[in-house]
Amino acid sequence: MSRRFHFIRHVFLAYLPWNTVWQHNVGAAYAWGDVVPQDFSRAARWYRRAARRGDAESQYDLGFMYLLDEGVDHDPIEGVRWLERAAEQGFNGAIRLLADVFRDGAYGVTADRERSERWRLAAESAREDDEM
């Protein structure tokens, strides 16, 4: 079967409200231009669908899109909100990104040493847990 057929199947499965994995996969296909033309707006819509249902990877991707101004209007507050949701679920990419963003004051986010340190400690704790 062709990759295009598999994508159409993923879209069909993604419309099931509880199927956040497929919703994320469809968003990723649009974000990366894999099988379909790259379209950040569509990627953001699919990531948002899964993020609202608690998918940490989608929350991370959507949050980063808000910081990067890709597919959504640049909104550092909304970006941090989604990243924190992902980080609170233990998503390591979000934890590390929040530590860096708050340390450096990047992407329009105001530097905040205290929040940066909190997320840096969470990243270290996650790393230690992974090593056990």
C-alpha atoms as a PDB file:
ATOM      1  CA  MET A   1       0.000   0.000   0.000  1.00  0.00           C
ATOM      2  CA  SER A   2       1.145   3.517  -0.745  1.00  0.00           C
ATOM      3  CA  ARG A   3       2.192   6.053   1.878  1.00  0.00           C
ATOM      4  CA  ARG A   4      -0.666   8.261   0.709  1.00  0.00           C
ATOM      5  CA  PHE A   5      -3.168   5.478   1.448  1.00  0.00           C
ATOM      6  CA  HIS A   6      -1.709   5.077   4.941  1.00  0.00           C
ATOM      7  CA  PHE A   7      -2.058   8.811   5.514  1.00  0.00           C
ATOM      8  CA  ILE A   8      -5.723   8.754   4.479  1.00  0.00           C
ATOM      9  CA  ARG A   9      -6.248   5.861   6.888  1.00  0.00           C
ATOM     10  CA  HIS A  10      -4.538   7.883   9.654  1.00  0.00           C
ATOM     11  CA  VAL A  11      -6.824  10.838   8.994  1.00  0.00           C
ATOM     12  CA  PHE A  12      -9.859   8.595   9.242  1.00  0.00           C
ATOM     13  CA  LEU A  13      -8.614   7.155  12.553  1.00  0.00           C
ATOM     14  CA  ALA A  14      -7.690  10.634  13.810  1.00  0.00           C
ATOM     15  CA  TYR A  15     -11.303  11.763  13.606  1.00  0.00           C
ATOM     16  CA  LEU A  16     -12.111   9.363  16.434  1.00  0.00           C
ATOM     17  CA  PRO A  17     -12.150  11.756  19.415  1.00  0.00           C
ATOM     18  CA  TRP A  18     -10.184   9.499  21.771  1.00  0.00           C
ATOM     19  CA  ASN A  19      -7.469   8.655  19.249  1.00  0.00           C
ATOM     20  CA  THR A  20      -4.845  11.244  20.196  1.00  0.00           C
ATOM     21  CA  VAL A  21      -1.933   9.208  18.823  1.00  0.00           C
ATOM     22  CA  TRP A  22      -3.335   9.354  15.299  1.00  0.00           C
ATOM     23  CA  GLN A  23      -4.310  12.997  15.730  1.00  0.00           C
ATOM     24  CA  HIS A  24      -0.694  13.737  16.625  1.00  0.00           C
ATOM     25  CA  ASN A  25       0.565  11.650  13.691  1.00  0.00           C
ATOM     26  CA  VAL A  26      -1.581  13.568  11.219  1.00  0.00           C
ATOM     27  CA  GLY A  27      -0.348  16.855  12.710  1.00  0.00           C
ATOM     28  CA  ALA A  28       3.245  15.658  12.396  1.00  0.00           C
ATOM     29  CA  ALA A  29       2.693  14.680   8.760  1.00  0.00           C
ATOM     30  CA  TYR A  30       1.570  18.235   8.014  1.00  0.00           C
ATOM     31  CA  ALA A  31       4.342  19.791  10.109  1.00  0.00           C
ATOM     32  CA  TRP A  32       7.091  17.818   8.395  1.00  0.00           C
ATOM     33  CA  GLY A  33       5.552  17.740   4.925  1.00  0.00           C
ATOM     34  CA  ASP A  34       5.605  13.954   5.078  1.00  0.00           C
ATOM     35  CA  VAL A  35       3.273  12.472   2.440  1.00  0.00           C
ATOM     36  CA  VAL A  36       1.288  15.727   2.223  1.00  0.00           C
ATOM     37  CA  PRO A  37       2.494  19.264   1.503  1.00  0.00           C
ATOM     38  CA  GLN A  38       3.841  21.021   4.583  1.00  0.00           C
ATOM     39  CA  ASP A  39       1.106  23.089   6.218  1.00  0.00           C
ATOM     40  CA  PHE A  40       1.801  24.449   9.695  1.00  0.00           C
ATOM     41  CA  SER A  41      -1.759  25.720  10.170  1.00  0.00           C
ATOM     42  CA  ARG A  42      -3.193  22.253   9.628  1.00  0.00           C
ATOM     43  CA  ALA A  43      -0.484  20.757  11.815  1.00  0.00           C
ATOM     44  CA  ALA A  44      -1.434  23.134  14.637  1.00  0.00           C
ATOM     45  CA  ARG A  45      -5.125  22.235  14.299  1.00  0.00           C
ATOM     46  CA  TRP A  46      -4.389  18.521  14.605  1.00  0.00           C
ATOM     47  CA  TYR A  47      -1.930  19.026  17.466  1.00  0.00           C
ATOM     48  CA  ARG A  48      -4.508  21.177  19.280  1.00  0.00           C
ATOM     49  CA  ARG A  49      -7.134  18.462  18.902  1.00  0.00           C
ATOM     50  CA  ALA A  50      -4.861  15.931  20.618  1.00  0.00           C
ATOM     51  CA  ALA A  51      -3.392  18.443  23.088  1.00  0.00           C
ATOM     52  CA  ARG A  52      -6.832  19.329  24.441  1.00  0.00           C
ATOM     53  CA  ARG A  53      -7.343  15.657  25.190  1.00  0.00           C
ATOM     54  CA  GLY A  54      -4.097  15.509  27.171  1.00  0.00           C
ATOM     55  CA  ASP A  55      -1.543  14.209  24.651  1.00  0.00           C
ATOM     56  CA  ALA A  56       1.765  15.489  26.039  1.00  0.00           C
ATOM     57  CA  GLU A  57       3.699  15.292  22.775  1.00  0.00           C
ATOM     58  CA  SER A  58       1.010  17.318  21.008  1.00  0.00           C
ATOM     59  CA  GLN A  59       0.998  19.844  23.851  1.00  0.00           C
ATOM     60  CA  TYR A  60       4.760  20.216  23.410  1.00  0.00           C
ATOM     61  CA  ASP A  61       4.553  20.564  19.628  1.00  0.00           C
ATOM     62  CA  LEU A  62       1.686  23.060  19.813  1.00  0.00           C
ATOM     63  CA  GLY A  63       3.422  25.089  22.509  1.00  0.00           C
ATOM     64  CA  PHE A  64       6.618  25.252  20.477  1.00  0.00           C
ATOM     65  CA  MET A  65       4.617  26.349  17.416  1.00  0.00           C
ATOM     66  CA  TYR A  66       3.244  29.284  19.427  1.00  0.00           C
ATOM     67  CA  LEU A  67       6.794  30.263  20.380  1.00  0.00           C
ATOM     68  CA  LEU A  68       8.078  29.913  16.812  1.00  0.00           C
ATOM     69  CA  ASP A  69       5.096  31.609  15.129  1.00  0.00           C
ATOM     70  CA  GLU A  70       4.508  28.552  12.940  1.00  0.00           C
ATOM     71  CA  GLY A  71       0.927  27.865  11.938  1.00  0.00           C
ATOM     72  CA  VAL A  72      -0.421  30.023  14.769  1.00  0.00           C
ATOM     73  CA  ASP A  73       0.138  33.631  15.783  1.00  0.00           C
ATOM     74  CA  HIS A  74       3.187  34.157  17.975  1.00  0.00           C
ATOM     75  CA  ASP A  75       1.950  33.999  21.555  1.00  0.00           C
ATOM     76  CA  PRO A  76       4.584  33.263  24.198  1.00  0.00           C
ATOM     77  CA  ILE A  77       2.020  33.065  27.003  1.00  0.00           C
ATOM     78  CA  GLU A  78      -0.048  30.443  25.173  1.00  0.00           C
ATOM     79  CA  GLY A  79       3.131  28.629  24.145  1.00  0.00           C
ATOM     80  CA  VAL A  80       4.372  28.397  27.725  1.00  0.00           C
ATOM     81  CA  ARG A  81       0.917  27.274  28.876  1.00  0.00           C
ATOM     82  CA  TRP A  82       0.958  24.290  26.499  1.00  0.00           C
ATOM     83  CA  LEU A  83       4.596  23.479  27.258  1.00  0.00           C
ATOM     84  CA  GLU A  84       3.886  23.479  30.991  1.00  0.00           C
ATOM     85  CA  ARG A  85       0.981  21.084  30.478  1.00  0.00           C
ATOM     86  CA  ALA A  86       3.311  18.702  28.650  1.00  0.00           C
ATOM     87  CA  ALA A  87       6.078  19.149  31.223  1.00  0.00           C
ATOM     88  CA  GLU A  88       3.702  18.456  34.104  1.00  0.00           C
ATOM     89  CA  GLN A  89       3.055  15.069  32.487  1.00  0.00           C
ATOM     90  CA  GLY A  90       6.796  14.417  32.476  1.00  0.00           C
ATOM     91  CA  PHE A  91       7.472  15.112  28.787  1.00  0.00           C
ATOM     92  CA  ASN A  92      11.252  15.645  28.827  1.00  0.00           C
ATOM     93  CA  GLY A  93      11.440  17.827  25.717  1.00  0.00           C
ATOM     94  CA  ALA A  94       9.011  20.307  27.259  1.00  0.00           C
ATOM     95  CA  ILE A  95      10.832  20.282  30.597  1.00  0.00           C
ATOM     96  CA  ARG A  96      14.194  21.040  28.968  1.00  0.00           C
ATOM     97  CA  LEU A  97      12.734  23.670  26.639  1.00  0.00           C
ATOM     98  CA  LEU A  98      11.020  25.488  29.517  1.00  0.00           C
ATOM     99  CA  ALA A  99      14.259  25.522  31.532  1.00  0.00           C
ATOM    100  CA  ASP A 100      16.127  27.035  28.567  1.00  0.00           C
ATOM    101  CA  VAL A 101      13.410  29.501  27.565  1.00  0.00           C
ATOM    102  CA  PHE A 102      13.059  30.889  31.076  1.00  0.00           C
ATOM    103  CA  ARG A 103      16.848  30.990  31.539  1.00  0.00           C
ATOM    104  CA  ASP A 104      17.491  32.849  28.273  1.00  0.00           C
ATOM    105  CA  GLY A 105      14.265  34.817  27.916  1.00  0.00           C
ATOM    106  CA  ALA A 106      13.910  33.385  24.411  1.00  0.00           C
ATOM    107  CA  TYR A 107      11.010  33.502  21.913  1.00  0.00           C
ATOM    108  CA  GLY A 108       9.427  36.508  23.584  1.00  0.00           C
ATOM    109  CA  VAL A 109       9.205  34.827  26.987  1.00  0.00           C
ATOM    110  CA  THR A 110      10.419  36.964  29.882  1.00  0.00           C
ATOM    111  CA  ALA A 111      13.475  35.497  31.588  1.00  0.00           C
ATOM    112  CA  ASP A 112      12.592  34.061  34.976  1.00  0.00           C
ATOM    113  CA  ARG A 113      15.476  32.554  36.915  1.00  0.00           C
ATOM    114  CA  GLU A 114      13.227  30.896  39.498  1.00  0.00           C
ATOM    115  CA  ARG A 115      11.042  29.124  36.925  1.00  0.00           C
ATOM    116  CA  SER A 116      14.107  28.170  34.905  1.00  0.00           C
ATOM    117  CA  GLU A 117      15.687  26.574  37.960  1.00  0.00           C
ATOM    118  CA  ARG A 118      12.472  24.713  38.798  1.00  0.00           C
ATOM    119  CA  TRP A 119      12.348  23.189  35.318  1.00  0.00           C
ATOM    120  CA  ARG A 120      16.105  22.500  35.282  1.00  0.00           C
ATOM    121  CA  LEU A 121      15.742  20.520  38.518  1.00  0.00           C
ATOM    122  CA  ALA A 122      12.773  18.654  37.027  1.00  0.00           C
ATOM    123  CA  ALA A 123      14.911  17.788  33.991  1.00  0.00           C
ATOM    124  CA  GLU A 124      17.690  16.475  36.222  1.00  0.00           C
ATOM    125  CA  SER A 125      15.208  14.432  38.218  1.00  0.00           C
ATOM    126  CA  ALA A 126      13.745  12.953  35.020  1.00  0.00           C
ATOM    127  CA  ARG A 127      17.245  12.113  33.787  1.00  0.00           C
ATOM    128  CA  GLU A 128      18.024  10.338  37.065  1.00  0.00           C
ATOM    129  CA  ASP A 129      14.783   8.381  36.849  1.00  0.00           C
ATOM    130  CA  ASP A 130      15.666   7.295  33.301  1.00  0.00           C
ATOM    131  CA  GLU A 131      19.087   6.060  34.451  1.00  0.00           C
ATOM    132  CA  MET A 132      17.598   3.793  37.133  1.00  0.00           C
END
